N, C-alpha and C. Protein backbone atom coordinates (compact mmCIF):
# COMPACT_ATOMS: atom_id res chain seq x y z
N UNK A 1 0.80 -1.21 0.00
CA UNK A 1 0.00 0.00 0.00
C UNK A 1 0.85 1.27 0.00
N UNK A 2 2.06 1.16 0.54
CA UNK A 2 2.96 2.32 0.53
C UNK A 2 3.38 2.66 -0.91
N UNK A 3 3.64 1.62 -1.70
CA UNK A 3 4.01 1.83 -3.10
C UNK A 3 2.84 2.44 -3.85
N UNK A 4 1.64 1.94 -3.59
CA UNK A 4 0.45 2.48 -4.23
C UNK A 4 0.28 3.96 -3.90
N UNK A 5 0.48 4.33 -2.65
CA UNK A 5 0.36 5.73 -2.22
C UNK A 5 1.41 6.60 -2.92
N UNK A 6 2.62 6.08 -3.03
CA UNK A 6 3.69 6.84 -3.70
C UNK A 6 3.36 7.04 -5.17
N UNK A 7 2.84 6.01 -5.83
CA UNK A 7 2.44 6.12 -7.24
C UNK A 7 1.30 7.11 -7.39
N UNK A 8 0.35 7.07 -6.48
CA UNK A 8 -0.79 7.97 -6.52
C UNK A 8 -0.35 9.42 -6.36
N UNK A 9 0.51 9.67 -5.38
CA UNK A 9 1.03 11.03 -5.16
C UNK A 9 1.83 11.49 -6.37
N UNK A 10 2.65 10.62 -6.92
CA UNK A 10 3.45 10.97 -8.10
C UNK A 10 2.56 11.31 -9.28
N UNK A 11 1.49 10.57 -9.47
CA UNK A 11 0.60 10.84 -10.60
C UNK A 11 -0.13 12.17 -10.41
N UNK A 12 -0.54 12.47 -9.18
CA UNK A 12 -1.17 13.77 -8.91
C UNK A 12 -0.20 14.92 -9.18
N UNK A 13 1.04 14.72 -8.75
CA UNK A 13 2.07 15.75 -8.97
C UNK A 13 2.32 15.94 -10.46
N UNK A 14 2.44 14.85 -11.19
CA UNK A 14 2.68 14.93 -12.63
C UNK A 14 1.51 15.61 -13.33
N UNK A 15 0.30 15.29 -12.94
CA UNK A 15 -0.89 15.91 -13.54
C UNK A 15 -0.90 17.42 -13.25
N UNK A 16 -0.54 17.80 -12.06
CA UNK A 16 -0.50 19.22 -11.71
C UNK A 16 0.54 19.96 -12.55
N UNK A 17 1.69 19.34 -12.76
CA UNK A 17 2.75 19.97 -13.58
C UNK A 17 2.29 20.11 -15.03
N UNK A 18 1.61 19.10 -15.55
CA UNK A 18 1.11 19.16 -16.92
C UNK A 18 0.09 20.29 -17.05
N UNK A 19 -0.79 20.41 -16.09
CA UNK A 19 -1.79 21.48 -16.13
C UNK A 19 -1.14 22.85 -16.04
N UNK A 20 -0.09 22.98 -15.22
CA UNK A 20 0.63 24.26 -15.11
C UNK A 20 1.25 24.63 -16.45
N UNK A 21 1.87 23.66 -17.13
CA UNK A 21 2.49 23.92 -18.43
C UNK A 21 1.45 24.30 -19.47
N UNK A 22 0.32 23.58 -19.47
CA UNK A 22 -0.74 23.90 -20.43
C UNK A 22 -1.30 25.30 -20.19
N UNK A 23 -1.47 25.67 -18.94
CA UNK A 23 -1.96 27.00 -18.60
C UNK A 23 -0.96 28.08 -19.03
N UNK A 24 0.32 27.81 -18.85
CA UNK A 24 1.35 28.77 -19.27
C UNK A 24 1.33 28.94 -20.78
N UNK A 25 1.16 27.86 -21.52
CA UNK A 25 1.08 27.94 -22.98
C UNK A 25 -0.14 28.76 -23.40
N UNK A 26 -1.28 28.51 -22.77
CA UNK A 26 -2.49 29.27 -23.09
C UNK A 26 -2.32 30.75 -22.78
N UNK A 27 -1.70 31.07 -21.67
CA UNK A 27 -1.46 32.49 -21.32
C UNK A 27 -0.54 33.14 -22.34
N UNK A 28 0.49 32.43 -22.75
CA UNK A 28 1.42 32.97 -23.74
C UNK A 28 0.72 33.22 -25.07
N UNK A 29 -0.07 32.27 -25.50
CA UNK A 29 -0.82 32.44 -26.76
C UNK A 29 -1.79 33.59 -26.67
N UNK A 30 -2.45 33.74 -25.53
CA UNK A 30 -3.39 34.83 -25.34
C UNK A 30 -2.67 36.18 -25.39
N UNK A 31 -1.52 36.25 -24.74
CA UNK A 31 -0.73 37.48 -24.75
C UNK A 31 -0.28 37.82 -26.17
N UNK A 32 0.19 36.82 -26.91
CA UNK A 32 0.63 37.05 -28.29
C UNK A 32 -0.52 37.52 -29.16
N UNK A 33 -1.70 36.94 -28.98
CA UNK A 33 -2.88 37.35 -29.75
C UNK A 33 -3.24 38.79 -29.42
N UNK A 34 -3.20 39.13 -28.15
CA UNK A 34 -3.51 40.49 -27.73
C UNK A 34 -2.49 41.48 -28.29
N UNK A 35 -1.21 41.12 -28.25
CA UNK A 35 -0.18 42.00 -28.79
C UNK A 35 -0.37 42.23 -30.29
N UNK A 36 -0.71 41.17 -31.02
CA UNK A 36 -0.96 41.32 -32.46
C UNK A 36 -2.15 42.23 -32.72
N UNK A 37 -3.21 42.06 -31.94
CA UNK A 37 -4.41 42.89 -32.12
C UNK A 37 -4.11 44.35 -31.82
N UNK A 38 -3.37 44.61 -30.76
CA UNK A 38 -3.01 45.99 -30.41
C UNK A 38 -2.13 46.59 -31.50
N UNK A 39 -1.17 45.82 -31.99
CA UNK A 39 -0.28 46.32 -33.05
C UNK A 39 -1.07 46.63 -34.31
N UNK A 40 -2.02 45.77 -34.68
CA UNK A 40 -2.84 46.03 -35.86
C UNK A 40 -3.69 47.28 -35.69
N UNK A 41 -4.26 47.45 -34.51
CA UNK A 41 -5.06 48.64 -34.24
C UNK A 41 -4.21 49.90 -34.31
N UNK A 42 -3.06 49.88 -33.65
CA UNK A 42 -2.18 51.04 -33.69
C UNK A 42 -1.70 51.32 -35.11
N UNK A 43 -1.40 50.29 -35.87
CA UNK A 43 -0.94 50.46 -37.25
C UNK A 43 -2.02 51.11 -38.11
N UNK A 44 -3.27 50.83 -37.78
CA UNK A 44 -4.37 51.41 -38.56
C UNK A 44 -4.57 52.90 -38.26
N UNK A 45 -4.21 53.33 -37.05
CA UNK A 45 -4.48 54.73 -36.70
C UNK A 45 -3.23 55.59 -36.56
N UNK A 46 -2.04 54.97 -36.56
CA UNK A 46 -0.79 55.72 -36.38
C UNK A 46 0.06 55.64 -37.64
N UNK A 47 0.87 56.67 -37.85
CA UNK A 47 1.77 56.68 -39.00
C UNK A 47 2.88 55.64 -38.86
N UNK A 48 3.41 55.51 -37.65
CA UNK A 48 4.50 54.57 -37.39
C UNK A 48 4.27 53.94 -36.01
N UNK A 49 4.49 52.64 -35.92
CA UNK A 49 4.39 51.94 -34.64
C UNK A 49 5.74 51.25 -34.41
N UNK A 50 6.33 51.51 -33.24
CA UNK A 50 7.60 50.87 -32.90
C UNK A 50 7.40 49.98 -31.69
N UNK A 51 8.13 48.88 -31.67
CA UNK A 51 8.13 47.99 -30.51
C UNK A 51 9.47 48.16 -29.83
N UNK A 52 9.43 48.60 -28.56
CA UNK A 52 10.65 48.89 -27.82
C UNK A 52 10.86 47.90 -26.69
N UNK A 53 12.11 47.58 -26.45
CA UNK A 53 12.47 46.77 -25.29
C UNK A 53 12.65 47.67 -24.09
N UNK A 54 12.95 47.11 -22.94
CA UNK A 54 13.12 47.92 -21.72
C UNK A 54 14.31 48.87 -21.82
N UNK A 55 15.24 48.58 -22.72
CA UNK A 55 16.39 49.46 -22.93
C UNK A 55 16.15 50.48 -24.04
N UNK A 56 14.89 50.57 -24.49
CA UNK A 56 14.46 51.50 -25.54
C UNK A 56 15.14 51.22 -26.89
N UNK A 57 15.45 49.97 -27.14
CA UNK A 57 15.96 49.55 -28.44
C UNK A 57 14.82 48.89 -29.21
N UNK A 58 14.84 49.04 -30.54
CA UNK A 58 13.78 48.49 -31.37
C UNK A 58 13.81 46.96 -31.33
N UNK A 59 12.66 46.37 -31.05
CA UNK A 59 12.54 44.91 -30.99
C UNK A 59 12.19 44.32 -32.35
N UNK A 60 11.83 45.17 -33.29
CA UNK A 60 11.52 44.73 -34.64
C UNK A 60 11.98 45.80 -35.62
N UNK A 61 12.40 45.40 -36.81
CA UNK A 61 12.78 46.40 -37.81
C UNK A 61 11.58 47.31 -38.10
N UNK A 62 11.86 48.60 -38.22
CA UNK A 62 10.80 49.57 -38.46
C UNK A 62 11.25 50.54 -39.55
N UNK A 63 11.28 50.08 -40.80
CA UNK A 63 11.75 50.95 -41.88
C UNK A 63 10.87 52.19 -42.07
N UNK A 64 9.58 52.11 -41.70
CA UNK A 64 8.70 53.27 -41.83
C UNK A 64 9.15 54.42 -40.94
N UNK A 65 9.91 54.12 -39.87
CA UNK A 65 10.37 55.17 -38.97
C UNK A 65 11.29 56.14 -39.71
N UNK A 66 12.23 55.61 -40.45
CA UNK A 66 13.14 56.47 -41.22
C UNK A 66 12.40 57.29 -42.26
N UNK A 67 11.46 56.66 -42.94
CA UNK A 67 10.67 57.36 -43.95
C UNK A 67 9.85 58.47 -43.30
N UNK A 68 9.22 58.17 -42.18
CA UNK A 68 8.39 59.14 -41.49
C UNK A 68 9.20 60.34 -41.02
N UNK A 69 10.41 60.07 -40.54
CA UNK A 69 11.26 61.15 -40.03
C UNK A 69 12.14 61.76 -41.11
N UNK A 70 11.90 61.36 -42.36
CA UNK A 70 12.66 61.86 -43.51
C UNK A 70 14.16 61.65 -43.34
N UNK A 71 14.52 60.49 -42.84
CA UNK A 71 15.92 60.15 -42.65
C UNK A 71 16.18 58.78 -43.24
N UNK A 72 17.17 58.70 -44.06
CA UNK A 72 17.48 57.42 -44.70
C UNK A 72 18.87 56.95 -44.32
N UNK A 73 19.34 57.36 -43.15
CA UNK A 73 20.67 56.97 -42.69
C UNK A 73 20.81 55.47 -42.55
N UNK A 74 22.03 55.00 -42.60
CA UNK A 74 22.33 53.58 -42.49
C UNK A 74 21.77 53.03 -41.17
N UNK A 75 20.97 52.00 -41.23
CA UNK A 75 20.46 51.35 -40.04
C UNK A 75 19.33 52.09 -39.35
N UNK A 76 18.81 53.10 -39.98
CA UNK A 76 17.73 53.88 -39.35
C UNK A 76 16.50 53.00 -39.24
N UNK A 77 16.03 52.75 -38.02
CA UNK A 77 14.89 51.90 -37.79
C UNK A 77 15.23 50.42 -37.80
N UNK A 78 16.52 50.09 -37.74
CA UNK A 78 16.94 48.69 -37.78
C UNK A 78 16.70 48.00 -36.44
N UNK A 79 16.54 46.70 -36.50
CA UNK A 79 16.38 45.89 -35.31
C UNK A 79 17.53 46.17 -34.35
N UNK A 80 17.20 46.45 -33.09
CA UNK A 80 18.22 46.69 -32.07
C UNK A 80 18.74 48.12 -32.01
N UNK A 81 18.29 48.98 -32.93
CA UNK A 81 18.80 50.35 -32.89
C UNK A 81 18.19 51.10 -31.70
N UNK A 82 18.92 52.07 -31.22
CA UNK A 82 18.53 52.86 -30.06
C UNK A 82 17.46 53.88 -30.45
N UNK A 83 16.28 53.76 -29.90
CA UNK A 83 15.18 54.66 -30.25
C UNK A 83 15.51 56.10 -29.87
N UNK A 84 16.23 56.29 -28.77
CA UNK A 84 16.58 57.66 -28.35
C UNK A 84 17.44 58.37 -29.40
N UNK A 85 18.16 57.62 -30.20
CA UNK A 85 18.98 58.24 -31.25
C UNK A 85 18.10 58.92 -32.30
N UNK A 86 16.83 58.54 -32.35
CA UNK A 86 15.90 59.12 -33.32
C UNK A 86 15.16 60.34 -32.77
N UNK A 87 15.46 60.69 -31.53
CA UNK A 87 14.80 61.82 -30.89
C UNK A 87 15.82 62.94 -30.71
N UNK A 88 15.42 64.15 -31.00
CA UNK A 88 16.31 65.31 -30.86
C UNK A 88 16.83 65.37 -29.42
N UNK A 89 18.10 65.72 -29.28
CA UNK A 89 18.72 65.78 -27.95
C UNK A 89 17.90 66.61 -26.97
N UNK A 90 17.38 67.72 -27.44
CA UNK A 90 16.62 68.62 -26.57
C UNK A 90 15.32 67.97 -26.06
N UNK A 91 14.82 66.98 -26.77
CA UNK A 91 13.55 66.34 -26.40
C UNK A 91 13.71 65.01 -25.68
N UNK A 92 14.92 64.50 -25.58
CA UNK A 92 15.13 63.16 -25.00
C UNK A 92 14.68 63.07 -23.55
N UNK A 93 15.04 64.04 -22.73
CA UNK A 93 14.66 63.97 -21.32
C UNK A 93 13.16 64.06 -21.17
N UNK A 94 12.51 64.90 -21.95
CA UNK A 94 11.06 65.00 -21.91
C UNK A 94 10.42 63.66 -22.27
N UNK A 95 10.97 62.99 -23.31
CA UNK A 95 10.47 61.68 -23.70
C UNK A 95 10.65 60.67 -22.57
N UNK A 96 11.85 60.63 -21.98
CA UNK A 96 12.11 59.69 -20.89
C UNK A 96 11.19 59.94 -19.70
N UNK A 97 10.97 61.21 -19.38
CA UNK A 97 10.07 61.56 -18.27
C UNK A 97 8.64 61.08 -18.57
N UNK A 98 8.20 61.28 -19.81
CA UNK A 98 6.84 60.86 -20.15
C UNK A 98 6.71 59.34 -20.14
N UNK A 99 7.76 58.64 -20.51
CA UNK A 99 7.74 57.16 -20.45
C UNK A 99 7.66 56.69 -18.99
N UNK A 100 8.40 57.35 -18.12
CA UNK A 100 8.40 56.96 -16.70
C UNK A 100 7.02 57.23 -16.08
N UNK A 101 6.40 58.34 -16.45
CA UNK A 101 5.11 58.68 -15.85
C UNK A 101 3.99 57.79 -16.37
N UNK A 102 4.20 57.11 -17.50
CA UNK A 102 3.15 56.24 -18.03
C UNK A 102 3.35 54.78 -17.65
N UNK A 103 4.40 54.47 -16.88
CA UNK A 103 4.64 53.09 -16.45
C UNK A 103 3.55 52.65 -15.51
N UNK A 104 3.15 51.41 -15.66
CA UNK A 104 2.08 50.86 -14.82
C UNK A 104 2.69 49.99 -13.74
């Protein structure tokens, strides 16, 4: 009966782990779907949409950024480029302050 109890506990544990993984996959898919929907909505109403990482570097190539800002410099809007480099020096602190105030 001790072996049976150990098998039973192990199976409950394994089932719980499987459910946790499945839930994580569903949450990830839901987040990805939401991100795509938000990006599509923003793309429909905005001239340029950029995806930024926490270091304010572009997470996706954004060639429309260079076109919008009338700049065709090498790597302008390239994956990993520094978004702050696209903002006038005089406006950078204002941008950073506005980003900090909008953090949730």
